[in-house]
């Protein structure tokens, strides 16, 4: 809940910037949080897997120790009978492995739920952002202006994936929108 409040505060402060930049910034921040949580989960899973491997190795070597003890006992008739502690040790190791796996699964589920909640918050922040320019009886969504600027990039024969930054300046008094793409690689205007 505290993360949701923090995210909401970030969204409000970021909304003072251009809406598209605010949206990208919020998405990047939430994505970074999700990545950090995923790294923590991955680390915990790796630890649990290491414990499981160790326990599995203990299980494999436990019966061998018992066989070796039996062979040694047969060679020495006066020696004590081999202990039956190998079976309980194997059971304990298996139980430890099951417990470690259960803990890892529980942790992964919790972290996945947190990541899903963070993704929902990002989606909610995206859904609430709408900017519409109203001027002289016209109504033009901000997203349409950005889309038209991106179309100019494509019309220039450039790769869509290479477009990293779009700036749109709207001058209603001139009935024009000016765009600057990728910090000046493409500059132009269109009628609104």
N, C-alpha and C. Protein backbone atom coordinates (compact mmCIF):
# COMPACT_ATOMS: atom_id res chain seq x y z
N UNK A 1 0.83 -1.18 0.00
CA UNK A 1 0.00 0.00 0.00
C UNK A 1 0.88 1.25 0.00
N UNK A 2 1.98 1.18 0.78
CA UNK A 2 2.88 2.33 0.84
C UNK A 2 3.52 2.58 -0.53
N UNK A 3 3.82 1.48 -1.25
CA UNK A 3 4.41 1.65 -2.58
C UNK A 3 3.42 2.31 -3.53
N UNK A 4 2.15 1.98 -3.37
CA UNK A 4 1.13 2.58 -4.23
C UNK A 4 1.04 4.08 -3.98
N UNK A 5 1.13 4.49 -2.70
CA UNK A 5 1.09 5.91 -2.38
C UNK A 5 2.31 6.62 -2.96
N UNK A 6 3.47 5.97 -2.83
CA UNK A 6 4.69 6.56 -3.40
C UNK A 6 4.56 6.71 -4.91
N UNK A 7 4.05 5.65 -5.55
CA UNK A 7 3.88 5.69 -7.00
C UNK A 7 2.90 6.79 -7.39
N UNK A 8 1.83 6.94 -6.63
CA UNK A 8 0.85 8.00 -6.92
C UNK A 8 1.49 9.37 -6.78
N UNK A 9 2.34 9.54 -5.75
CA UNK A 9 3.03 10.82 -5.58
C UNK A 9 3.97 11.09 -6.74
N UNK A 10 4.65 10.05 -7.18
CA UNK A 10 5.57 10.19 -8.32
C UNK A 10 4.78 10.59 -9.56
N UNK A 11 3.63 9.94 -9.75
CA UNK A 11 2.81 10.25 -10.93
C UNK A 11 2.37 11.71 -10.89
N UNK A 12 1.94 12.20 -9.72
CA UNK A 12 1.49 13.58 -9.62
C UNK A 12 2.62 14.56 -9.93
N UNK A 13 3.81 14.30 -9.39
CA UNK A 13 4.91 15.23 -9.67
C UNK A 13 5.36 15.13 -11.11
N UNK A 14 5.31 13.93 -11.67
CA UNK A 14 5.73 13.75 -13.04
C UNK A 14 4.73 14.35 -14.02
N UNK A 15 3.48 14.46 -13.63
CA UNK A 15 2.47 15.02 -14.52
C UNK A 15 2.72 16.49 -14.81
N UNK A 16 3.52 17.14 -13.96
CA UNK A 16 3.86 18.53 -14.21
C UNK A 16 4.76 18.65 -15.43
N UNK A 17 5.47 17.57 -15.74
CA UNK A 17 6.28 17.53 -16.97
C UNK A 17 5.32 17.27 -18.12
N UNK A 18 5.87 17.12 -19.31
CA UNK A 18 4.99 16.80 -20.42
C UNK A 18 4.36 15.45 -20.13
N UNK A 19 3.11 15.23 -20.48
CA UNK A 19 2.44 13.98 -20.13
C UNK A 19 3.15 12.74 -20.66
N UNK A 20 3.68 12.79 -21.84
CA UNK A 20 4.35 11.62 -22.40
C UNK A 20 5.63 11.33 -21.62
N UNK A 21 6.39 12.38 -21.29
CA UNK A 21 7.63 12.19 -20.52
C UNK A 21 7.29 11.66 -19.14
N UNK A 22 6.22 12.16 -18.54
CA UNK A 22 5.81 11.70 -17.23
C UNK A 22 5.45 10.22 -17.29
N UNK A 23 4.73 9.85 -18.30
CA UNK A 23 4.30 8.46 -18.48
C UNK A 23 5.53 7.55 -18.61
N UNK A 24 6.46 7.95 -19.45
CA UNK A 24 7.67 7.15 -19.66
C UNK A 24 8.48 7.05 -18.38
N UNK A 25 8.59 8.17 -17.65
CA UNK A 25 9.38 8.18 -16.43
C UNK A 25 8.76 7.26 -15.38
N UNK A 26 7.45 7.30 -15.22
CA UNK A 26 6.78 6.45 -14.25
C UNK A 26 6.94 4.99 -14.64
N UNK A 27 6.77 4.70 -15.91
CA UNK A 27 6.91 3.33 -16.38
C UNK A 27 8.33 2.83 -16.13
N UNK A 28 9.32 3.67 -16.40
CA UNK A 28 10.71 3.28 -16.18
C UNK A 28 10.97 3.01 -14.70
N UNK A 29 10.45 3.87 -13.82
CA UNK A 29 10.67 3.68 -12.38
C UNK A 29 10.02 2.39 -11.89
N UNK A 30 8.80 2.16 -12.31
CA UNK A 30 8.12 0.94 -11.87
C UNK A 30 8.80 -0.28 -12.47
N UNK A 31 9.23 -0.18 -13.71
CA UNK A 31 9.95 -1.28 -14.34
C UNK A 31 11.24 -1.57 -13.58
N UNK A 32 11.94 -0.52 -13.13
CA UNK A 32 13.16 -0.72 -12.36
C UNK A 32 12.85 -1.43 -11.04
N UNK A 33 11.75 -1.05 -10.39
CA UNK A 33 11.37 -1.71 -9.14
C UNK A 33 11.06 -3.18 -9.39
N UNK A 34 10.33 -3.44 -10.47
CA UNK A 34 9.98 -4.82 -10.79
C UNK A 34 11.25 -5.62 -11.08
N UNK A 35 12.20 -5.01 -11.80
CA UNK A 35 13.46 -5.71 -12.09
C UNK A 35 14.22 -6.02 -10.81
N UNK A 36 14.26 -5.06 -9.87
CA UNK A 36 14.95 -5.31 -8.60
C UNK A 36 14.30 -6.46 -7.85
N UNK A 37 12.96 -6.45 -7.81
CA UNK A 37 12.26 -7.53 -7.12
C UNK A 37 12.52 -8.86 -7.81
N UNK A 38 12.53 -8.85 -9.13
CA UNK A 38 12.79 -10.08 -9.88
C UNK A 38 14.20 -10.59 -9.59
N UNK A 39 15.17 -9.67 -9.47
CA UNK A 39 16.53 -10.08 -9.14
C UNK A 39 16.58 -10.71 -7.76
N UNK A 40 15.86 -10.13 -6.80
CA UNK A 40 15.83 -10.70 -5.45
C UNK A 40 15.22 -12.09 -5.48
N UNK A 41 14.13 -12.23 -6.21
CA UNK A 41 13.47 -13.53 -6.31
C UNK A 41 14.41 -14.53 -6.96
N UNK A 42 15.07 -14.11 -8.03
CA UNK A 42 15.99 -14.98 -8.73
C UNK A 42 17.12 -15.43 -7.80
N UNK A 43 17.61 -14.50 -6.99
CA UNK A 43 18.68 -14.83 -6.04
C UNK A 43 18.17 -15.85 -5.02
N UNK A 44 16.95 -15.64 -4.50
CA UNK A 44 16.40 -16.57 -3.52
C UNK A 44 16.17 -17.95 -4.13
N UNK A 45 15.72 -17.96 -5.37
CA UNK A 45 15.53 -19.25 -6.05
C UNK A 45 16.86 -19.95 -6.25
N UNK A 46 17.90 -19.19 -6.61
CA UNK A 46 19.23 -19.78 -6.77
C UNK A 46 19.72 -20.36 -5.45
N UNK A 47 19.48 -19.63 -4.34
CA UNK A 47 19.89 -20.14 -3.03
C UNK A 47 19.14 -21.43 -2.70
N UNK A 48 17.83 -21.43 -2.95
CA UNK A 48 17.03 -22.62 -2.67
C UNK A 48 17.50 -23.79 -3.54
N UNK A 49 17.80 -23.50 -4.80
CA UNK A 49 18.28 -24.55 -5.70
C UNK A 49 19.62 -25.11 -5.21
N UNK A 50 20.49 -24.22 -4.70
CA UNK A 50 21.77 -24.68 -4.17
C UNK A 50 21.55 -25.57 -2.95
N UNK A 51 20.59 -25.18 -2.10
CA UNK A 51 20.29 -26.02 -0.94
C UNK A 51 19.75 -27.38 -1.38
N UNK A 52 18.89 -27.37 -2.39
CA UNK A 52 18.33 -28.63 -2.89
C UNK A 52 19.44 -29.50 -3.47
N UNK A 53 20.37 -28.89 -4.24
CA UNK A 53 21.48 -29.67 -4.80
C UNK A 53 22.34 -30.27 -3.68
N UNK A 54 22.59 -29.48 -2.65
CA UNK A 54 23.40 -29.94 -1.53
C UNK A 54 22.70 -31.09 -0.82
N UNK A 55 21.40 -30.92 -0.60
CA UNK A 55 20.63 -31.96 0.07
C UNK A 55 20.58 -33.22 -0.79
N UNK A 56 20.42 -33.05 -2.09
CA UNK A 56 20.40 -34.21 -2.99
C UNK A 56 21.75 -34.93 -2.94
N UNK A 57 22.83 -34.19 -2.87
CA UNK A 57 24.16 -34.81 -2.77
C UNK A 57 24.27 -35.56 -1.45
N UNK A 58 23.74 -34.98 -0.37
CA UNK A 58 23.76 -35.66 0.93
C UNK A 58 22.97 -36.95 0.87
N UNK A 59 21.83 -36.90 0.18
CA UNK A 59 20.99 -38.09 0.06
C UNK A 59 21.72 -39.18 -0.72
N UNK A 60 22.41 -38.79 -1.79
CA UNK A 60 23.13 -39.78 -2.60
C UNK A 60 24.28 -40.41 -1.83
N UNK A 61 24.97 -39.60 -1.02
CA UNK A 61 26.13 -40.14 -0.30
C UNK A 61 25.74 -40.87 0.97
N UNK A 62 24.57 -40.61 1.52
CA UNK A 62 24.16 -41.27 2.76
C UNK A 62 24.10 -42.79 2.61
N UNK A 63 23.44 -43.34 1.61
CA UNK A 63 23.43 -44.80 1.47
C UNK A 63 24.82 -45.38 1.24
N UNK A 64 25.68 -44.67 0.53
CA UNK A 64 27.04 -45.17 0.29
C UNK A 64 27.79 -45.31 1.60
N UNK A 65 27.61 -44.37 2.49
CA UNK A 65 28.28 -44.44 3.79
C UNK A 65 27.80 -45.68 4.54
N UNK A 66 26.53 -45.98 4.45
CA UNK A 66 25.99 -47.14 5.14
C UNK A 66 26.58 -48.42 4.57
N UNK A 67 26.67 -48.52 3.27
CA UNK A 67 27.24 -49.70 2.62
C UNK A 67 28.70 -49.84 3.02
N UNK A 68 29.42 -48.74 3.02
CA UNK A 68 30.83 -48.78 3.42
C UNK A 68 30.96 -49.21 4.87
N UNK A 69 30.08 -48.73 5.73
CA UNK A 69 30.11 -49.13 7.14
C UNK A 69 29.83 -50.62 7.28
N UNK A 70 28.89 -51.14 6.48
CA UNK A 70 28.55 -52.56 6.54
C UNK A 70 29.74 -53.39 6.10
N UNK A 71 30.39 -52.99 5.00
CA UNK A 71 31.55 -53.74 4.51
C UNK A 71 32.66 -53.74 5.54
N UNK A 72 32.88 -52.62 6.20
CA UNK A 72 33.92 -52.52 7.23
C UNK A 72 33.54 -53.40 8.41
N UNK A 73 32.29 -53.43 8.76
CA UNK A 73 31.84 -54.24 9.89
C UNK A 73 32.00 -55.73 9.59
N UNK A 74 31.77 -56.15 8.34
CA UNK A 74 31.91 -57.55 7.97
C UNK A 74 33.36 -57.99 8.05
N UNK A 75 34.28 -57.12 7.72
CA UNK A 75 35.70 -57.44 7.76
C UNK A 75 36.18 -57.57 9.19
N UNK A 76 35.60 -56.81 10.09
CA UNK A 76 35.99 -56.83 11.50
C UNK A 76 34.87 -57.48 12.30
N UNK A 77 34.99 -58.75 12.62
CA UNK A 77 33.90 -59.43 13.30
C UNK A 77 33.63 -58.88 14.71
N UNK A 78 34.60 -58.32 15.33
CA UNK A 78 34.41 -57.82 16.69
C UNK A 78 33.81 -56.41 16.70
N UNK A 79 33.75 -55.81 15.56
CA UNK A 79 33.24 -54.43 15.50
C UNK A 79 31.73 -54.42 15.72
N UNK A 80 31.25 -53.28 16.10
CA UNK A 80 29.82 -53.10 16.34
C UNK A 80 29.07 -53.16 15.02
N UNK A 81 27.77 -53.45 15.12
CA UNK A 81 26.92 -53.47 13.94
C UNK A 81 26.81 -52.05 13.40
N UNK A 82 26.62 -51.93 12.09
CA UNK A 82 26.48 -50.58 11.53
C UNK A 82 25.19 -49.91 12.05
N UNK A 83 25.33 -48.63 12.27
CA UNK A 83 24.16 -47.90 12.77
C UNK A 83 23.15 -47.72 11.66
N UNK A 84 21.92 -47.56 12.03
CA UNK A 84 20.87 -47.36 11.05
C UNK A 84 20.57 -45.86 10.92
N UNK A 85 21.55 -45.06 11.25
CA UNK A 85 21.34 -43.61 11.21
C UNK A 85 21.33 -43.06 9.78
N UNK A 86 21.74 -43.88 8.82
CA UNK A 86 21.76 -43.40 7.44
C UNK A 86 20.35 -43.12 6.92
N UNK A 87 19.41 -44.02 7.25
CA UNK A 87 18.04 -43.79 6.79
C UNK A 87 17.47 -42.50 7.36
N UNK A 88 17.56 -42.29 8.68
CA UNK A 88 17.04 -41.02 9.19
C UNK A 88 17.76 -39.82 8.59
N UNK A 89 19.06 -39.95 8.33
CA UNK A 89 19.79 -38.84 7.73
C UNK A 89 19.26 -38.56 6.34
N UNK A 90 18.98 -39.59 5.58
CA UNK A 90 18.44 -39.41 4.24
C UNK A 90 17.06 -38.78 4.30
N UNK A 91 16.26 -39.25 5.27
CA UNK A 91 14.92 -38.66 5.43
C UNK A 91 15.00 -37.20 5.84
N UNK A 92 15.93 -36.91 6.75
CA UNK A 92 16.11 -35.52 7.18
C UNK A 92 16.56 -34.65 6.00
N UNK A 93 17.47 -35.17 5.21
CA UNK A 93 17.95 -34.41 4.05
C UNK A 93 16.82 -34.17 3.05
N UNK A 94 16.01 -35.18 2.83
CA UNK A 94 14.88 -35.02 1.91
C UNK A 94 13.88 -34.01 2.45
N UNK A 95 13.63 -34.08 3.76
CA UNK A 95 12.70 -33.13 4.38
C UNK A 95 13.25 -31.71 4.27
N UNK A 96 14.54 -31.56 4.48
CA UNK A 96 15.17 -30.25 4.35
C UNK A 96 15.03 -29.73 2.93
N UNK A 97 15.23 -30.61 1.97
CA UNK A 97 15.09 -30.21 0.56
C UNK A 97 13.67 -29.78 0.26
N UNK A 98 12.68 -30.56 0.74
CA UNK A 98 11.29 -30.19 0.51
C UNK A 98 10.98 -28.83 1.13
N UNK A 99 11.47 -28.62 2.35
CA UNK A 99 11.23 -27.34 3.03
C UNK A 99 11.86 -26.19 2.25
N UNK A 100 13.08 -26.38 1.77
CA UNK A 100 13.76 -25.33 1.01
C UNK A 100 13.00 -25.01 -0.27
N UNK A 101 12.51 -26.04 -0.94
CA UNK A 101 11.76 -25.82 -2.18
C UNK A 101 10.45 -25.10 -1.88
N UNK A 102 9.75 -25.50 -0.80
CA UNK A 102 8.50 -24.84 -0.44
C UNK A 102 8.73 -23.37 -0.13
N UNK A 103 9.81 -23.07 0.60
CA UNK A 103 10.13 -21.67 0.91
C UNK A 103 10.40 -20.89 -0.37
N UNK A 104 11.16 -21.48 -1.27
CA UNK A 104 11.48 -20.79 -2.53
C UNK A 104 10.21 -20.55 -3.35
N UNK A 105 9.34 -21.53 -3.42
CA UNK A 105 8.10 -21.38 -4.18
C UNK A 105 7.23 -20.29 -3.56
N UNK A 106 7.13 -20.29 -2.23
CA UNK A 106 6.33 -19.27 -1.55
C UNK A 106 6.90 -17.89 -1.82
N UNK A 107 8.21 -17.75 -1.73
CA UNK A 107 8.86 -16.47 -1.98
C UNK A 107 8.63 -16.01 -3.41
N UNK A 108 8.77 -16.93 -4.36
CA UNK A 108 8.56 -16.59 -5.77
C UNK A 108 7.12 -16.14 -6.00
N UNK A 109 6.16 -16.84 -5.39
CA UNK A 109 4.76 -16.45 -5.55
C UNK A 109 4.50 -15.06 -5.00
N UNK A 110 5.04 -14.78 -3.81
CA UNK A 110 4.84 -13.46 -3.20
C UNK A 110 5.45 -12.37 -4.07
N UNK A 111 6.66 -12.58 -4.55
CA UNK A 111 7.32 -11.58 -5.37
C UNK A 111 6.58 -11.40 -6.70
N UNK A 112 6.05 -12.48 -7.24
CA UNK A 112 5.29 -12.38 -8.49
C UNK A 112 4.01 -11.57 -8.26
N UNK A 113 3.36 -11.77 -7.11
CA UNK A 113 2.16 -11.00 -6.80
C UNK A 113 2.51 -9.52 -6.67
N UNK A 114 3.62 -9.21 -6.00
CA UNK A 114 4.05 -7.82 -5.86
C UNK A 114 4.34 -7.21 -7.22
N UNK A 115 5.00 -7.96 -8.08
CA UNK A 115 5.31 -7.46 -9.43
C UNK A 115 4.03 -7.23 -10.22
N UNK A 116 3.05 -8.11 -10.07
CA UNK A 116 1.78 -7.94 -10.77
C UNK A 116 1.06 -6.69 -10.28
N UNK A 117 1.10 -6.45 -8.96
CA UNK A 117 0.49 -5.24 -8.42
C UNK A 117 1.17 -4.00 -8.96
N UNK A 118 2.50 -4.03 -9.03
CA UNK A 118 3.23 -2.88 -9.56
C UNK A 118 2.87 -2.65 -11.02
N UNK A 119 2.73 -3.73 -11.77
CA UNK A 119 2.35 -3.59 -13.18
C UNK A 119 0.94 -3.01 -13.31
N UNK A 120 0.03 -3.41 -12.40
CA UNK A 120 -1.32 -2.85 -12.42
C UNK A 120 -1.28 -1.36 -12.13
N UNK A 121 -0.41 -0.95 -11.20
CA UNK A 121 -0.28 0.47 -10.88
C UNK A 121 0.21 1.25 -12.10
N UNK A 122 1.16 0.68 -12.82
CA UNK A 122 1.66 1.34 -14.03
C UNK A 122 0.54 1.45 -15.05
N UNK A 123 -0.20 0.36 -15.22
CA UNK A 123 -1.29 0.37 -16.17
C UNK A 123 -2.34 1.41 -15.77
N UNK A 124 -2.64 1.48 -14.47
CA UNK A 124 -3.62 2.46 -13.99
C UNK A 124 -3.13 3.88 -14.26
N UNK A 125 -1.82 4.11 -14.04
CA UNK A 125 -1.26 5.44 -14.29
C UNK A 125 -1.36 5.79 -15.77
N UNK A 126 -1.14 4.80 -16.64
CA UNK A 126 -1.23 5.04 -18.08
C UNK A 126 -2.67 5.34 -18.50
N UNK A 127 -3.60 4.62 -17.94
CA UNK A 127 -4.99 4.75 -18.34
C UNK A 127 -5.57 6.11 -17.96
N UNK A 128 -5.06 6.73 -16.93
CA UNK A 128 -5.61 7.99 -16.45
C UNK A 128 -5.11 9.19 -17.23
N UNK A 129 -4.10 9.04 -18.06
CA UNK A 129 -3.49 10.18 -18.73
C UNK A 129 -4.15 10.43 -20.09
N UNK A 130 -4.81 11.56 -20.19
CA UNK A 130 -5.43 11.96 -21.45
C UNK A 130 -5.24 13.46 -21.60
N UNK A 131 -4.65 13.88 -22.71
CA UNK A 131 -4.47 15.29 -23.00
C UNK A 131 -5.15 15.56 -24.34
N UNK A 132 -6.03 16.54 -24.36
CA UNK A 132 -6.75 16.89 -25.59
C UNK A 132 -6.60 18.39 -25.81
N UNK A 133 -6.18 18.77 -27.00
CA UNK A 133 -6.07 20.18 -27.37
C UNK A 133 -7.41 20.61 -27.97
N UNK A 134 -8.01 21.63 -27.38
CA UNK A 134 -9.25 22.17 -27.91
C UNK A 134 -8.97 23.60 -28.34
N UNK A 135 -9.26 23.87 -29.62
CA UNK A 135 -8.97 25.20 -30.15
C UNK A 135 -9.84 25.44 -31.37
N UNK A 136 -10.55 26.51 -31.37
CA UNK A 136 -11.41 26.92 -32.48
C UNK A 136 -12.32 25.78 -32.96
N UNK A 137 -12.95 25.13 -32.00
CA UNK A 137 -13.89 24.08 -32.35
C UNK A 137 -13.26 22.75 -32.73
N UNK A 138 -11.95 22.66 -32.64
CA UNK A 138 -11.26 21.41 -32.96
C UNK A 138 -10.93 20.70 -31.65
N UNK A 139 -10.83 19.40 -31.71
CA UNK A 139 -10.43 18.60 -30.57
C UNK A 139 -9.40 17.59 -31.05
N UNK A 140 -8.16 17.73 -30.60
CA UNK A 140 -7.08 16.88 -31.08
C UNK A 140 -6.39 16.23 -29.87
N UNK A 141 -6.45 14.89 -29.77
CA UNK A 141 -5.78 14.20 -28.66
C UNK A 141 -4.26 14.34 -28.79
N UNK A 142 -3.60 14.47 -27.66
CA UNK A 142 -2.15 14.58 -27.62
C UNK A 142 -1.51 13.37 -28.31
N UNK A 143 -2.08 12.19 -28.07
CA UNK A 143 -1.52 10.98 -28.66
C UNK A 143 -1.51 11.05 -30.18
N UNK A 144 -2.52 11.71 -30.77
CA UNK A 144 -2.57 11.85 -32.22
C UNK A 144 -1.43 12.73 -32.72
N UNK A 145 -1.12 13.79 -31.97
CA UNK A 145 -0.03 14.68 -32.36
C UNK A 145 1.30 13.92 -32.34
N UNK A 146 1.50 13.14 -31.30
CA UNK A 146 2.73 12.36 -31.18
C UNK A 146 2.80 11.32 -32.30
N UNK A 147 1.68 10.70 -32.59
CA UNK A 147 1.62 9.70 -33.65
C UNK A 147 1.95 10.30 -35.01
N UNK A 148 1.44 11.48 -35.27
CA UNK A 148 1.71 12.14 -36.55
C UNK A 148 3.19 12.50 -36.67
N UNK A 149 3.81 12.90 -35.55
CA UNK A 149 5.24 13.19 -35.57
C UNK A 149 6.04 11.92 -35.84
N UNK A 150 5.63 10.81 -35.24
CA UNK A 150 6.29 9.53 -35.47
C UNK A 150 6.11 9.08 -36.93
N UNK A 151 4.94 9.37 -37.49
CA UNK A 151 4.71 9.04 -38.90
C UNK A 151 5.67 9.80 -39.82
N UNK A 152 6.01 11.03 -39.44
CA UNK A 152 6.97 11.82 -40.23
C UNK A 152 8.34 11.12 -40.22
N UNK A 153 8.70 10.52 -39.09
CA UNK A 153 9.96 9.78 -38.97
C UNK A 153 9.95 8.60 -39.95
N UNK A 154 8.85 7.87 -39.96
CA UNK A 154 8.73 6.71 -40.86
C UNK A 154 8.72 7.16 -42.32
N UNK A 155 8.03 8.28 -42.61
CA UNK A 155 7.95 8.79 -43.97
C UNK A 155 9.32 9.20 -44.49
N UNK A 156 10.22 9.57 -43.58
CA UNK A 156 11.58 9.94 -43.98
C UNK A 156 12.43 8.70 -44.27
N UNK A 157 11.83 7.51 -44.12
CA UNK A 157 12.54 6.26 -44.44
C UNK A 157 13.46 5.78 -43.33
N UNK A 158 13.20 6.21 -42.13
CA UNK A 158 14.06 5.81 -41.01
C UNK A 158 13.46 4.63 -40.27
N UNK A 159 14.32 3.91 -39.56
CA UNK A 159 13.92 2.73 -38.81
C UNK A 159 13.08 3.15 -37.60
N UNK A 160 11.93 2.51 -37.44
CA UNK A 160 11.02 2.84 -36.35
C UNK A 160 11.67 2.61 -34.99
N UNK A 161 12.49 1.58 -34.87
CA UNK A 161 13.13 1.25 -33.60
C UNK A 161 14.18 2.30 -33.21
N UNK A 162 14.67 3.05 -34.16
CA UNK A 162 15.69 4.06 -33.88
C UNK A 162 15.10 5.34 -33.28
N UNK A 163 13.78 5.48 -33.31
CA UNK A 163 13.13 6.67 -32.76
C UNK A 163 13.08 6.55 -31.24
N UNK A 164 13.81 7.42 -30.56
CA UNK A 164 13.91 7.36 -29.10
C UNK A 164 13.25 8.55 -28.41
N UNK A 165 13.15 9.67 -29.09
CA UNK A 165 12.63 10.87 -28.44
C UNK A 165 11.75 11.66 -29.40
N UNK A 166 10.57 12.03 -28.90
CA UNK A 166 9.63 12.83 -29.70
C UNK A 166 9.25 14.05 -28.88
N UNK A 167 9.45 15.23 -29.45
CA UNK A 167 9.00 16.46 -28.82
C UNK A 167 8.04 17.14 -29.79
N UNK A 168 6.86 17.51 -29.29
CA UNK A 168 5.86 18.17 -30.11
C UNK A 168 5.53 19.51 -29.47
N UNK A 169 5.62 20.57 -30.25
CA UNK A 169 5.28 21.91 -29.79
C UNK A 169 4.05 22.37 -30.57
N UNK A 170 2.97 22.66 -29.85
CA UNK A 170 1.72 23.04 -30.50
C UNK A 170 1.56 24.55 -30.41
N UNK A 171 1.31 25.17 -31.57
CA UNK A 171 1.06 26.61 -31.64
C UNK A 171 -0.32 26.81 -32.26
N UNK A 172 -1.34 26.83 -31.41
CA UNK A 172 -2.71 26.95 -31.94
C UNK A 172 -2.92 28.22 -32.74
N UNK A 173 -2.26 29.31 -32.36
CA UNK A 173 -2.46 30.57 -33.09
C UNK A 173 -1.98 30.48 -34.54
N UNK A 174 -1.05 29.56 -34.82
CA UNK A 174 -0.57 29.34 -36.18
C UNK A 174 -1.24 28.13 -36.83
N UNK A 175 -2.07 27.42 -36.05
CA UNK A 175 -2.71 26.20 -36.51
C UNK A 175 -1.67 25.16 -36.95
N UNK A 176 -0.56 25.09 -36.19
CA UNK A 176 0.56 24.20 -36.52
C UNK A 176 1.04 23.46 -35.28
N UNK A 177 1.64 22.31 -35.52
CA UNK A 177 2.36 21.56 -34.50
C UNK A 177 3.77 21.33 -35.06
N UNK A 178 4.77 21.67 -34.26
CA UNK A 178 6.16 21.50 -34.67
C UNK A 178 6.72 20.31 -33.90
N UNK A 179 7.55 19.51 -34.56
CA UNK A 179 8.13 18.35 -33.89
C UNK A 179 9.64 18.33 -34.07
N UNK A 180 10.30 17.76 -33.04
CA UNK A 180 11.75 17.54 -33.06
C UNK A 180 11.94 16.08 -32.63
N UNK A 181 12.53 15.30 -33.50
CA UNK A 181 12.70 13.87 -33.25
C UNK A 181 14.17 13.54 -33.01
N UNK A 182 14.42 12.75 -32.00
CA UNK A 182 15.77 12.32 -31.63
C UNK A 182 16.74 13.50 -31.55
N UNK A 183 16.36 14.48 -30.80
CA UNK A 183 17.21 15.64 -30.50
C UNK A 183 17.71 16.33 -31.77
N UNK A 184 16.83 16.47 -32.75
CA UNK A 184 17.16 17.25 -33.94
C UNK A 184 17.48 16.45 -35.18
N UNK A 185 17.43 15.13 -35.14
CA UNK A 185 17.69 14.33 -36.34
C UNK A 185 16.62 14.60 -37.41
N UNK A 186 15.41 14.85 -36.96
CA UNK A 186 14.31 15.14 -37.86
C UNK A 186 13.50 16.27 -37.25
N UNK A 187 13.29 17.33 -38.02
CA UNK A 187 12.54 18.49 -37.55
C UNK A 187 11.52 18.85 -38.62
N UNK A 188 10.30 19.19 -38.17
CA UNK A 188 9.29 19.54 -39.15
C UNK A 188 8.03 20.05 -38.47
N UNK A 189 6.98 20.17 -39.26
CA UNK A 189 5.71 20.66 -38.72
C UNK A 189 4.57 20.08 -39.53
N UNK A 190 3.36 20.18 -38.97
CA UNK A 190 2.16 19.77 -39.68
C UNK A 190 1.00 20.62 -39.18
N UNK A 191 -0.02 20.72 -40.01
CA UNK A 191 -1.22 21.49 -39.65
C UNK A 191 -2.04 20.69 -38.64
N UNK A 192 -2.66 21.44 -37.72
CA UNK A 192 -3.53 20.75 -36.77
C UNK A 192 -5.00 21.04 -37.06
